[in-house]
Amino acid sequence: MRTDPARARDLLLEFADFTRYALRKGGAFTTLADELRNVERYLVLEQARFGERLQVSLLIAPEVLSVTVPYLAIQPLVENAVRHGIANLEGAHTVSITAADRGAEAEIVVEDDGVGADPAHIQAVLDGTAETDSHGLGNVDARLRTIYGDERGLVVETAPGAGMRVSFRVPKFLPAAITAGDNRLAGS
């Protein structure tokens, strides 16, 4: 704060906006645009911490920005990529976020070029049988499956030393009954 007060102020404002979004009471769903705006806030804070070591790549199809997604479905995946994928590595590493139009669906992908993981361990995390201090992957997967059915859970591709790619698809158009304020899904 003493060396760069203007930067410290900007980061504090980003943190405040990030926290407001995380604690909002706006229901179980949001637009992809709003979710990505919050992810960008998170990444600004992490880039202040990691500097040049954290590179970010965004490739977002404009036509999917209005798609409805579960609230806080993407940020935990990005946080997982930073915390578990690249935080303990030397040198620059990249977290990539892609949102693509796939006909009747939007596909969201979070990928890192970090340490990767044992696929059997990741499966145990998704199944809820692994001892772990990280619950992001398991929680997001469970919420997606609760909302959309088992065929719409997370798809995780990884191997030790090979980074991790986490993807999911959501329908571009949801029945109103799903988004009509079913807040039970928000905290699942």
N, C-alpha and C. Protein backbone atom coordinates (compact mmCIF):
# COMPACT_ATOMS: atom_id res chain seq x y z
N MET A 1 0.82 -1.19 0.00
CA MET A 1 0.00 0.00 0.00
C MET A 1 0.87 1.25 0.00
N ARG A 2 2.02 1.19 0.65
CA ARG A 2 2.89 2.36 0.71
C ARG A 2 3.61 2.60 -0.61
N THR A 3 3.94 1.54 -1.32
CA THR A 3 4.72 1.70 -2.55
C THR A 3 3.87 2.07 -3.76
N ASP A 4 2.60 1.64 -3.78
CA ASP A 4 1.73 1.96 -4.91
C ASP A 4 0.29 2.10 -4.42
N PRO A 5 -0.03 3.22 -3.77
CA PRO A 5 -1.36 3.41 -3.19
C PRO A 5 -2.49 3.35 -4.22
N ALA A 6 -2.26 3.84 -5.42
CA ALA A 6 -3.31 3.81 -6.44
C ALA A 6 -3.64 2.37 -6.83
N ARG A 7 -2.61 1.55 -6.99
CA ARG A 7 -2.82 0.13 -7.33
C ARG A 7 -3.52 -0.58 -6.17
N ALA A 8 -3.12 -0.30 -4.95
CA ALA A 8 -3.75 -0.91 -3.77
C ALA A 8 -5.23 -0.54 -3.71
N ARG A 9 -5.55 0.71 -3.99
CA ARG A 9 -6.95 1.15 -4.00
C ARG A 9 -7.74 0.40 -5.07
N ASP A 10 -7.18 0.29 -6.28
CA ASP A 10 -7.85 -0.43 -7.36
C ASP A 10 -8.11 -1.89 -6.98
N LEU A 11 -7.11 -2.54 -6.37
CA LEU A 11 -7.27 -3.93 -5.96
C LEU A 11 -8.32 -4.07 -4.86
N LEU A 12 -8.36 -3.12 -3.96
CA LEU A 12 -9.36 -3.16 -2.90
C LEU A 12 -10.76 -3.03 -3.48
N LEU A 13 -10.93 -2.18 -4.48
CA LEU A 13 -12.23 -2.04 -5.14
C LEU A 13 -12.60 -3.33 -5.88
N GLU A 14 -11.62 -3.95 -6.54
CA GLU A 14 -11.88 -5.24 -7.22
C GLU A 14 -12.31 -6.29 -6.19
N PHE A 15 -11.61 -6.32 -5.06
CA PHE A 15 -11.94 -7.28 -4.02
C PHE A 15 -13.35 -7.04 -3.49
N ALA A 16 -13.72 -5.78 -3.31
CA ALA A 16 -15.06 -5.45 -2.82
C ALA A 16 -16.12 -5.92 -3.81
N ASP A 17 -15.90 -5.67 -5.10
CA ASP A 17 -16.86 -6.11 -6.13
C ASP A 17 -16.93 -7.63 -6.19
N PHE A 18 -15.77 -8.28 -6.09
CA PHE A 18 -15.72 -9.75 -6.10
C PHE A 18 -16.52 -10.31 -4.91
N THR A 19 -16.32 -9.74 -3.74
CA THR A 19 -17.01 -10.20 -2.53
C THR A 19 -18.51 -9.94 -2.62
N ARG A 20 -18.88 -8.77 -3.12
CA ARG A 20 -20.31 -8.46 -3.29
C ARG A 20 -20.99 -9.49 -4.18
N TYR A 21 -20.35 -9.84 -5.27
CA TYR A 21 -20.91 -10.83 -6.20
C TYR A 21 -21.04 -12.19 -5.50
N ALA A 22 -19.98 -12.59 -4.80
CA ALA A 22 -19.98 -13.90 -4.14
C ALA A 22 -21.05 -14.00 -3.06
N LEU A 23 -21.39 -12.88 -2.43
CA LEU A 23 -22.35 -12.89 -1.33
C LEU A 23 -23.74 -12.41 -1.75
N ARG A 24 -23.94 -12.20 -3.02
CA ARG A 24 -25.22 -11.65 -3.50
C ARG A 24 -26.37 -12.61 -3.20
N LYS A 25 -27.57 -12.11 -3.25
CA LYS A 25 -28.76 -12.92 -3.01
C LYS A 25 -29.64 -12.88 -4.25
N GLY A 26 -29.05 -13.12 -5.41
CA GLY A 26 -29.76 -12.98 -6.67
C GLY A 26 -30.28 -14.26 -7.26
N GLY A 27 -30.35 -15.34 -6.52
CA GLY A 27 -30.86 -16.59 -7.06
C GLY A 27 -29.76 -17.53 -7.50
N ALA A 28 -30.18 -18.65 -8.04
CA ALA A 28 -29.26 -19.73 -8.39
C ALA A 28 -28.60 -19.56 -9.74
N PHE A 29 -29.06 -18.60 -10.54
CA PHE A 29 -28.56 -18.46 -11.90
C PHE A 29 -28.12 -17.03 -12.18
N THR A 30 -27.27 -16.90 -13.19
CA THR A 30 -26.80 -15.61 -13.67
C THR A 30 -26.48 -15.77 -15.14
N THR A 31 -26.11 -14.69 -15.78
CA THR A 31 -25.69 -14.82 -17.18
C THR A 31 -24.21 -15.17 -17.22
N LEU A 32 -23.81 -15.76 -18.32
CA LEU A 32 -22.40 -16.08 -18.51
C LEU A 32 -21.56 -14.79 -18.44
N ALA A 33 -22.08 -13.70 -18.99
CA ALA A 33 -21.36 -12.42 -18.95
C ALA A 33 -21.08 -11.98 -17.52
N ASP A 34 -22.09 -12.06 -16.64
CA ASP A 34 -21.89 -11.67 -15.24
C ASP A 34 -20.92 -12.60 -14.52
N GLU A 35 -21.04 -13.89 -14.80
CA GLU A 35 -20.14 -14.87 -14.18
C GLU A 35 -18.70 -14.60 -14.62
N LEU A 36 -18.50 -14.33 -15.89
CA LEU A 36 -17.15 -14.06 -16.40
C LEU A 36 -16.60 -12.73 -15.86
N ARG A 37 -17.45 -11.75 -15.67
CA ARG A 37 -17.01 -10.48 -15.08
C ARG A 37 -16.45 -10.74 -13.68
N ASN A 38 -17.10 -11.59 -12.92
CA ASN A 38 -16.60 -11.91 -11.59
C ASN A 38 -15.31 -12.72 -11.66
N VAL A 39 -15.20 -13.63 -12.62
CA VAL A 39 -13.97 -14.38 -12.81
C VAL A 39 -12.82 -13.43 -13.12
N GLU A 40 -13.09 -12.43 -13.94
CA GLU A 40 -12.05 -11.45 -14.26
C GLU A 40 -11.61 -10.70 -13.01
N ARG A 41 -12.54 -10.36 -12.12
CA ARG A 41 -12.18 -9.71 -10.85
C ARG A 41 -11.25 -10.61 -10.04
N TYR A 42 -11.62 -11.87 -9.96
CA TYR A 42 -10.79 -12.84 -9.23
C TYR A 42 -9.39 -12.89 -9.84
N LEU A 43 -9.31 -12.94 -11.16
CA LEU A 43 -8.02 -13.05 -11.81
C LEU A 43 -7.18 -11.79 -11.66
N VAL A 44 -7.79 -10.63 -11.60
CA VAL A 44 -7.05 -9.39 -11.33
C VAL A 44 -6.36 -9.49 -9.97
N LEU A 45 -7.08 -10.01 -8.99
CA LEU A 45 -6.51 -10.15 -7.65
C LEU A 45 -5.37 -11.17 -7.67
N GLU A 46 -5.55 -12.28 -8.35
CA GLU A 46 -4.49 -13.29 -8.40
C GLU A 46 -3.29 -12.81 -9.21
N GLN A 47 -3.53 -12.03 -10.26
CA GLN A 47 -2.40 -11.50 -11.03
C GLN A 47 -1.59 -10.52 -10.19
N ALA A 48 -2.24 -9.80 -9.28
CA ALA A 48 -1.50 -8.93 -8.38
C ALA A 48 -0.59 -9.76 -7.48
N ARG A 49 -1.03 -10.93 -7.14
CA ARG A 49 -0.26 -11.83 -6.28
C ARG A 49 0.88 -12.53 -7.04
N PHE A 50 0.56 -13.06 -8.23
CA PHE A 50 1.53 -13.87 -8.97
C PHE A 50 2.31 -13.08 -10.02
N GLY A 51 1.86 -11.90 -10.36
CA GLY A 51 2.55 -11.10 -11.36
C GLY A 51 2.60 -11.80 -12.71
N GLU A 52 3.76 -11.74 -13.34
CA GLU A 52 3.94 -12.31 -14.68
C GLU A 52 3.84 -13.84 -14.69
N ARG A 53 3.89 -14.45 -13.53
CA ARG A 53 3.79 -15.92 -13.47
C ARG A 53 2.42 -16.42 -13.91
N LEU A 54 1.38 -15.58 -13.75
CA LEU A 54 0.02 -15.98 -14.11
C LEU A 54 -0.38 -15.27 -15.40
N GLN A 55 -0.49 -16.06 -16.45
CA GLN A 55 -0.96 -15.57 -17.74
C GLN A 55 -2.40 -16.01 -17.90
N VAL A 56 -3.22 -15.19 -18.52
CA VAL A 56 -4.64 -15.51 -18.69
C VAL A 56 -4.99 -15.40 -20.16
N SER A 57 -5.73 -16.37 -20.64
CA SER A 57 -6.21 -16.36 -22.02
C SER A 57 -7.74 -16.52 -21.97
N LEU A 58 -8.44 -15.59 -22.60
CA LEU A 58 -9.90 -15.65 -22.68
C LEU A 58 -10.30 -15.73 -24.15
N LEU A 59 -11.16 -16.68 -24.47
CA LEU A 59 -11.72 -16.79 -25.81
C LEU A 59 -13.21 -17.04 -25.63
N ILE A 60 -13.99 -15.98 -25.73
CA ILE A 60 -15.42 -16.04 -25.41
C ILE A 60 -16.22 -15.67 -26.66
N ALA A 61 -17.09 -16.58 -27.09
CA ALA A 61 -17.97 -16.30 -28.22
C ALA A 61 -19.05 -15.32 -27.76
N PRO A 62 -19.18 -14.18 -28.41
CA PRO A 62 -20.16 -13.18 -27.96
C PRO A 62 -21.59 -13.70 -27.91
N GLU A 63 -21.93 -14.63 -28.76
CA GLU A 63 -23.31 -15.13 -28.80
C GLU A 63 -23.71 -15.96 -27.59
N VAL A 64 -22.75 -16.35 -26.74
CA VAL A 64 -23.12 -17.11 -25.54
C VAL A 64 -23.07 -16.28 -24.27
N LEU A 65 -22.75 -15.01 -24.37
CA LEU A 65 -22.67 -14.16 -23.16
C LEU A 65 -23.99 -14.05 -22.41
N SER A 66 -25.11 -14.18 -23.12
CA SER A 66 -26.42 -14.07 -22.46
C SER A 66 -26.96 -15.40 -21.95
N VAL A 67 -26.22 -16.47 -22.16
CA VAL A 67 -26.66 -17.80 -21.70
C VAL A 67 -26.74 -17.83 -20.18
N THR A 68 -27.76 -18.47 -19.66
CA THR A 68 -27.94 -18.62 -18.22
C THR A 68 -27.08 -19.78 -17.72
N VAL A 69 -26.30 -19.50 -16.68
CA VAL A 69 -25.45 -20.52 -16.06
C VAL A 69 -25.69 -20.51 -14.55
N PRO A 70 -25.39 -21.61 -13.88
CA PRO A 70 -25.48 -21.61 -12.43
C PRO A 70 -24.51 -20.58 -11.84
N TYR A 71 -24.98 -19.85 -10.87
CA TYR A 71 -24.20 -18.85 -10.16
C TYR A 71 -22.98 -19.51 -9.53
N LEU A 72 -21.83 -18.91 -9.68
CA LEU A 72 -20.54 -19.41 -9.17
C LEU A 72 -20.21 -20.81 -9.68
N ALA A 73 -20.43 -21.04 -10.97
CA ALA A 73 -20.06 -22.32 -11.57
C ALA A 73 -18.67 -22.27 -12.19
N ILE A 74 -18.20 -21.10 -12.58
CA ILE A 74 -16.93 -21.00 -13.29
C ILE A 74 -15.79 -20.57 -12.37
N GLN A 75 -16.03 -19.61 -11.50
CA GLN A 75 -14.97 -19.09 -10.65
C GLN A 75 -14.28 -20.18 -9.81
N PRO A 76 -15.02 -21.13 -9.22
CA PRO A 76 -14.31 -22.19 -8.47
C PRO A 76 -13.39 -23.03 -9.35
N LEU A 77 -13.75 -23.20 -10.62
CA LEU A 77 -12.90 -23.96 -11.54
C LEU A 77 -11.62 -23.18 -11.85
N VAL A 78 -11.76 -21.87 -12.01
CA VAL A 78 -10.59 -21.02 -12.26
C VAL A 78 -9.71 -20.99 -11.01
N GLU A 79 -10.33 -20.87 -9.86
CA GLU A 79 -9.57 -20.87 -8.61
C GLU A 79 -8.81 -22.19 -8.45
N ASN A 80 -9.44 -23.30 -8.79
CA ASN A 80 -8.78 -24.60 -8.73
C ASN A 80 -7.56 -24.62 -9.65
N ALA A 81 -7.71 -24.07 -10.86
CA ALA A 81 -6.59 -24.04 -11.81
C ALA A 81 -5.42 -23.23 -11.25
N VAL A 82 -5.72 -22.11 -10.60
CA VAL A 82 -4.67 -21.27 -10.04
C VAL A 82 -4.06 -21.93 -8.82
N ARG A 83 -4.89 -22.29 -7.85
CA ARG A 83 -4.39 -22.82 -6.56
C ARG A 83 -3.69 -24.16 -6.69
N HIS A 84 -4.30 -25.07 -7.44
CA HIS A 84 -3.77 -26.44 -7.49
C HIS A 84 -2.96 -26.71 -8.75
N GLY A 85 -3.19 -25.91 -9.79
CA GLY A 85 -2.50 -26.16 -11.04
C GLY A 85 -1.17 -25.45 -11.17
N ILE A 86 -1.14 -24.16 -10.82
CA ILE A 86 0.07 -23.39 -11.14
C ILE A 86 0.70 -22.65 -9.96
N ALA A 87 0.03 -22.51 -8.84
CA ALA A 87 0.52 -21.66 -7.74
C ALA A 87 1.92 -22.06 -7.27
N ASN A 88 2.22 -23.33 -7.24
CA ASN A 88 3.50 -23.77 -6.68
C ASN A 88 4.58 -24.01 -7.73
N LEU A 89 4.31 -23.59 -8.96
CA LEU A 89 5.28 -23.78 -10.02
C LEU A 89 6.10 -22.53 -10.26
N GLU A 90 7.30 -22.70 -10.73
CA GLU A 90 8.16 -21.58 -11.13
C GLU A 90 7.82 -21.19 -12.56
N GLY A 91 8.12 -19.98 -12.91
CA GLY A 91 7.94 -19.52 -14.28
C GLY A 91 6.49 -19.16 -14.58
N ALA A 92 6.28 -18.72 -15.81
CA ALA A 92 4.95 -18.29 -16.25
C ALA A 92 4.11 -19.50 -16.67
N HIS A 93 2.85 -19.46 -16.27
CA HIS A 93 1.88 -20.50 -16.64
C HIS A 93 0.57 -19.84 -16.99
N THR A 94 -0.25 -20.56 -17.76
CA THR A 94 -1.46 -19.97 -18.32
C THR A 94 -2.71 -20.68 -17.83
N VAL A 95 -3.70 -19.87 -17.51
CA VAL A 95 -5.06 -20.35 -17.28
C VAL A 95 -5.89 -19.82 -18.45
N SER A 96 -6.55 -20.73 -19.15
CA SER A 96 -7.37 -20.36 -20.31
C SER A 96 -8.84 -20.61 -20.00
N ILE A 97 -9.67 -19.66 -20.40
CA ILE A 97 -11.11 -19.80 -20.25
C ILE A 97 -11.72 -19.62 -21.63
N THR A 98 -12.51 -20.60 -22.02
CA THR A 98 -13.16 -20.58 -23.32
C THR A 98 -14.64 -20.79 -23.13
N ALA A 99 -15.44 -20.03 -23.85
CA ALA A 99 -16.89 -20.25 -23.89
C ALA A 99 -17.27 -20.26 -25.37
N ALA A 100 -17.84 -21.38 -25.82
CA ALA A 100 -18.11 -21.55 -27.24
C ALA A 100 -19.56 -21.93 -27.48
N ASP A 101 -20.05 -21.56 -28.62
CA ASP A 101 -21.40 -21.91 -29.06
C ASP A 101 -21.34 -23.30 -29.69
N ARG A 102 -22.10 -24.22 -29.15
CA ARG A 102 -22.15 -25.60 -29.66
C ARG A 102 -23.59 -25.95 -30.04
N GLY A 103 -24.18 -25.14 -30.88
CA GLY A 103 -25.55 -25.37 -31.31
C GLY A 103 -26.54 -25.01 -30.23
N ALA A 104 -27.21 -26.00 -29.68
CA ALA A 104 -28.20 -25.77 -28.63
C ALA A 104 -27.55 -25.63 -27.25
N GLU A 105 -26.23 -25.74 -27.19
CA GLU A 105 -25.52 -25.67 -25.92
C GLU A 105 -24.40 -24.64 -25.98
N ALA A 106 -23.99 -24.22 -24.81
CA ALA A 106 -22.76 -23.43 -24.66
C ALA A 106 -21.78 -24.32 -23.91
N GLU A 107 -20.55 -24.36 -24.39
CA GLU A 107 -19.50 -25.14 -23.73
C GLU A 107 -18.53 -24.19 -23.05
N ILE A 108 -18.29 -24.44 -21.77
CA ILE A 108 -17.36 -23.63 -20.98
C ILE A 108 -16.18 -24.51 -20.62
N VAL A 109 -14.98 -24.01 -20.87
CA VAL A 109 -13.76 -24.77 -20.61
C VAL A 109 -12.80 -23.91 -19.79
N VAL A 110 -12.26 -24.49 -18.73
CA VAL A 110 -11.19 -23.87 -17.94
C VAL A 110 -10.00 -24.82 -18.01
N GLU A 111 -8.88 -24.29 -18.46
CA GLU A 111 -7.72 -25.14 -18.69
C GLU A 111 -6.48 -24.47 -18.11
N ASP A 112 -5.56 -25.28 -17.59
CA ASP A 112 -4.28 -24.75 -17.13
C ASP A 112 -3.16 -25.66 -17.62
N ASP A 113 -1.97 -25.10 -17.69
CA ASP A 113 -0.80 -25.88 -18.12
C ASP A 113 0.08 -26.23 -16.92
N GLY A 114 -0.57 -26.47 -15.80
CA GLY A 114 0.13 -26.72 -14.54
C GLY A 114 0.48 -28.17 -14.29
N VAL A 115 0.43 -28.53 -13.01
CA VAL A 115 0.95 -29.81 -12.55
C VAL A 115 0.07 -31.00 -12.92
N GLY A 116 -1.19 -30.77 -13.23
CA GLY A 116 -2.08 -31.89 -13.53
C GLY A 116 -2.38 -32.69 -12.27
N ALA A 117 -3.02 -33.83 -12.45
CA ALA A 117 -3.40 -34.67 -11.31
C ALA A 117 -3.62 -36.10 -11.78
N ASP A 118 -3.65 -37.00 -10.84
CA ASP A 118 -3.97 -38.39 -11.12
C ASP A 118 -5.47 -38.48 -11.44
N PRO A 119 -5.83 -38.98 -12.62
CA PRO A 119 -7.25 -39.05 -12.98
C PRO A 119 -8.10 -39.83 -11.96
N ALA A 120 -7.53 -40.86 -11.34
CA ALA A 120 -8.29 -41.63 -10.34
C ALA A 120 -8.61 -40.76 -9.13
N HIS A 121 -7.68 -39.89 -8.73
CA HIS A 121 -7.94 -38.99 -7.61
C HIS A 121 -9.03 -37.99 -7.96
N ILE A 122 -8.97 -37.46 -9.17
CA ILE A 122 -10.00 -36.50 -9.60
C ILE A 122 -11.37 -37.17 -9.63
N GLN A 123 -11.43 -38.41 -10.10
CA GLN A 123 -12.70 -39.12 -10.10
C GLN A 123 -13.23 -39.32 -8.68
N ALA A 124 -12.33 -39.62 -7.75
CA ALA A 124 -12.73 -39.76 -6.35
C ALA A 124 -13.23 -38.43 -5.78
N VAL A 125 -12.61 -37.32 -6.19
CA VAL A 125 -13.08 -36.00 -5.76
C VAL A 125 -14.49 -35.77 -6.29
N LEU A 126 -14.71 -36.07 -7.56
CA LEU A 126 -16.04 -35.88 -8.15
C LEU A 126 -17.08 -36.81 -7.52
N ASP A 127 -16.66 -37.99 -7.13
CA ASP A 127 -17.57 -38.95 -6.49
C ASP A 127 -17.81 -38.62 -5.02
N GLY A 128 -16.99 -37.72 -4.47
CA GLY A 128 -17.13 -37.35 -3.06
C GLY A 128 -16.47 -38.33 -2.11
N THR A 129 -15.59 -39.20 -2.62
CA THR A 129 -14.96 -40.21 -1.78
C THR A 129 -13.51 -39.89 -1.43
N ALA A 130 -12.97 -38.79 -1.98
CA ALA A 130 -11.57 -38.43 -1.72
C ALA A 130 -11.47 -37.51 -0.52
N GLU A 131 -10.42 -37.69 0.26
CA GLU A 131 -10.08 -36.75 1.32
C GLU A 131 -9.38 -35.59 0.65
N THR A 132 -9.95 -34.39 0.77
CA THR A 132 -9.36 -33.24 0.10
C THR A 132 -9.73 -31.97 0.85
N ASP A 133 -8.85 -30.98 0.73
CA ASP A 133 -9.16 -29.67 1.31
C ASP A 133 -9.79 -28.75 0.27
N SER A 134 -9.97 -29.26 -0.93
CA SER A 134 -10.57 -28.49 -2.01
C SER A 134 -11.90 -29.10 -2.39
N HIS A 135 -12.93 -28.28 -2.42
CA HIS A 135 -14.27 -28.79 -2.72
C HIS A 135 -14.86 -28.19 -4.00
N GLY A 136 -14.10 -27.32 -4.67
CA GLY A 136 -14.61 -26.62 -5.85
C GLY A 136 -15.09 -27.54 -6.94
N LEU A 137 -14.24 -28.48 -7.38
CA LEU A 137 -14.64 -29.38 -8.46
C LEU A 137 -15.86 -30.20 -8.09
N GLY A 138 -15.83 -30.80 -6.91
CA GLY A 138 -16.94 -31.65 -6.47
C GLY A 138 -18.25 -30.89 -6.34
N ASN A 139 -18.18 -29.68 -5.78
CA ASN A 139 -19.40 -28.88 -5.61
C ASN A 139 -19.99 -28.45 -6.94
N VAL A 140 -19.15 -27.97 -7.85
CA VAL A 140 -19.65 -27.53 -9.16
C VAL A 140 -20.24 -28.72 -9.91
N ASP A 141 -19.55 -29.86 -9.89
CA ASP A 141 -20.05 -31.05 -10.57
C ASP A 141 -21.41 -31.47 -10.00
N ALA A 142 -21.54 -31.50 -8.70
CA ALA A 142 -22.80 -31.91 -8.07
C ALA A 142 -23.93 -30.95 -8.43
N ARG A 143 -23.64 -29.66 -8.43
CA ARG A 143 -24.67 -28.68 -8.78
C ARG A 143 -25.11 -28.83 -10.24
N LEU A 144 -24.16 -29.00 -11.14
CA LEU A 144 -24.51 -29.18 -12.55
C LEU A 144 -25.38 -30.41 -12.75
N ARG A 145 -25.03 -31.51 -12.09
CA ARG A 145 -25.80 -32.75 -12.22
C ARG A 145 -27.19 -32.60 -11.61
N THR A 146 -27.30 -31.87 -10.51
CA THR A 146 -28.60 -31.64 -9.88
C THR A 146 -29.51 -30.83 -10.79
N ILE A 147 -28.96 -29.81 -11.41
CA ILE A 147 -29.75 -28.91 -12.25
C ILE A 147 -30.10 -29.54 -13.59
N TYR A 148 -29.10 -30.10 -14.27
CA TYR A 148 -29.28 -30.52 -15.67
C TYR A 148 -29.34 -32.02 -15.90
N GLY A 149 -29.00 -32.81 -14.89
CA GLY A 149 -28.95 -34.26 -15.06
C GLY A 149 -27.51 -34.74 -15.15
N ASP A 150 -27.32 -36.03 -14.94
CA ASP A 150 -25.97 -36.60 -14.87
C ASP A 150 -25.15 -36.42 -16.14
N GLU A 151 -25.80 -36.30 -17.27
CA GLU A 151 -25.05 -36.15 -18.53
C GLU A 151 -24.40 -34.77 -18.66
N ARG A 152 -24.68 -33.86 -17.76
CA ARG A 152 -24.14 -32.50 -17.85
C ARG A 152 -23.16 -32.17 -16.73
N GLY A 153 -22.55 -33.16 -16.12
CA GLY A 153 -21.54 -32.89 -15.10
C GLY A 153 -20.24 -32.45 -15.72
N LEU A 154 -19.25 -32.23 -14.88
CA LEU A 154 -17.94 -31.82 -15.35
C LEU A 154 -17.25 -32.94 -16.11
N VAL A 155 -16.50 -32.56 -17.13
CA VAL A 155 -15.61 -33.47 -17.84
C VAL A 155 -14.20 -32.99 -17.52
N VAL A 156 -13.41 -33.85 -16.87
CA VAL A 156 -12.06 -33.46 -16.45
C VAL A 156 -11.05 -34.33 -17.19
N GLU A 157 -10.13 -33.66 -17.86
CA GLU A 157 -9.05 -34.34 -18.57
C GLU A 157 -7.74 -33.89 -17.93
N THR A 158 -6.96 -34.86 -17.43
CA THR A 158 -5.73 -34.51 -16.73
C THR A 158 -4.82 -35.73 -16.63
N ALA A 159 -3.59 -35.46 -16.33
CA ALA A 159 -2.59 -36.48 -16.00
C ALA A 159 -1.48 -35.75 -15.26
N PRO A 160 -0.75 -36.45 -14.40
CA PRO A 160 0.35 -35.78 -13.70
C PRO A 160 1.31 -35.12 -14.69
N GLY A 161 1.61 -33.86 -14.46
CA GLY A 161 2.52 -33.11 -15.31
C GLY A 161 1.92 -32.59 -16.61
N ALA A 162 0.63 -32.85 -16.84
CA ALA A 162 0.02 -32.50 -18.13
C ALA A 162 -1.03 -31.39 -18.03
N GLY A 163 -1.12 -30.71 -16.90
CA GLY A 163 -2.14 -29.69 -16.77
C GLY A 163 -3.52 -30.30 -16.58
N MET A 164 -4.54 -29.47 -16.64
CA MET A 164 -5.91 -29.95 -16.46
C MET A 164 -6.85 -29.16 -17.34
N ARG A 165 -7.81 -29.88 -17.91
CA ARG A 165 -8.86 -29.26 -18.71
C ARG A 165 -10.19 -29.68 -18.11
N VAL A 166 -10.99 -28.70 -17.67
CA VAL A 166 -12.29 -28.97 -17.07
C VAL A 166 -13.34 -28.29 -17.95
N SER A 167 -14.33 -29.06 -18.38
CA SER A 167 -15.36 -28.48 -19.24
C SER A 167 -16.74 -28.94 -18.81
N PHE A 168 -17.72 -28.14 -19.21
CA PHE A 168 -19.11 -28.53 -19.04
C PHE A 168 -19.93 -27.82 -20.09
N ARG A 169 -21.10 -28.36 -20.35
CA ARG A 169 -22.03 -27.77 -21.30
C ARG A 169 -23.35 -27.48 -20.62
N VAL A 170 -23.93 -26.36 -21.01
CA VAL A 170 -25.25 -26.00 -20.51
C VAL A 170 -26.14 -25.69 -21.71
N PRO A 171 -27.43 -25.97 -21.58
CA PRO A 171 -28.33 -25.61 -22.68
C PRO A 171 -28.39 -24.10 -22.82
N LYS A 172 -28.43 -23.63 -24.06
CA LYS A 172 -28.48 -22.18 -24.28
C LYS A 172 -29.83 -21.59 -23.89
N PHE A 173 -30.85 -22.42 -23.92
CA PHE A 173 -32.19 -21.93 -23.58
C PHE A 173 -32.77 -22.87 -22.54
N LEU A 174 -33.10 -22.33 -21.36
CA LEU A 174 -33.64 -23.13 -20.26
C LEU A 174 -35.13 -22.90 -20.12
N PRO A 175 -35.86 -23.94 -19.74
CA PRO A 175 -37.27 -23.72 -19.40
C PRO A 175 -37.37 -22.74 -18.22
N ALA A 176 -38.37 -21.90 -18.24
CA ALA A 176 -38.55 -20.90 -17.19
C ALA A 176 -38.65 -21.53 -15.81
N ALA A 177 -39.16 -22.75 -15.73
CA ALA A 177 -39.33 -23.42 -14.43
C ALA A 177 -37.98 -23.64 -13.75
N ILE A 178 -36.92 -23.85 -14.53
CA ILE A 178 -35.62 -24.09 -13.94
C ILE A 178 -35.06 -22.81 -13.33
N THR A 179 -35.22 -21.70 -14.00
CA THR A 179 -34.63 -20.44 -13.54
C THR A 179 -35.56 -19.58 -12.72
N ALA A 180 -36.75 -20.06 -12.42
CA ALA A 180 -37.76 -19.24 -11.74
C ALA A 180 -37.50 -19.10 -10.25
N GLY A 181 -36.25 -18.90 -9.89
CA GLY A 181 -35.93 -18.59 -8.48
C GLY A 181 -35.80 -19.80 -7.61
N ASP A 182 -35.43 -20.95 -8.14
CA ASP A 182 -35.21 -22.13 -7.32
C ASP A 182 -33.90 -22.00 -6.58
N ASN A 183 -33.91 -21.28 -5.47
CA ASN A 183 -32.69 -21.01 -4.71
C ASN A 183 -32.12 -22.22 -4.01
N ARG A 184 -32.84 -23.32 -4.00
CA ARG A 184 -32.28 -24.54 -3.42
C ARG A 184 -31.03 -24.96 -4.18
N LEU A 185 -30.96 -24.61 -5.46
CA LEU A 185 -29.83 -25.02 -6.28
C LEU A 185 -28.60 -24.15 -6.04
N ALA A 186 -28.79 -22.95 -5.53
CA ALA A 186 -27.67 -22.01 -5.37
C ALA A 186 -26.62 -22.51 -4.40
N GLY A 187 -27.02 -23.09 -3.31
CA GLY A 187 -26.07 -23.49 -2.30
C GLY A 187 -25.78 -24.96 -2.27
N SER A 188 -26.25 -25.70 -3.23
CA SER A 188 -26.04 -27.16 -3.23
C SER A 188 -24.59 -27.50 -3.33
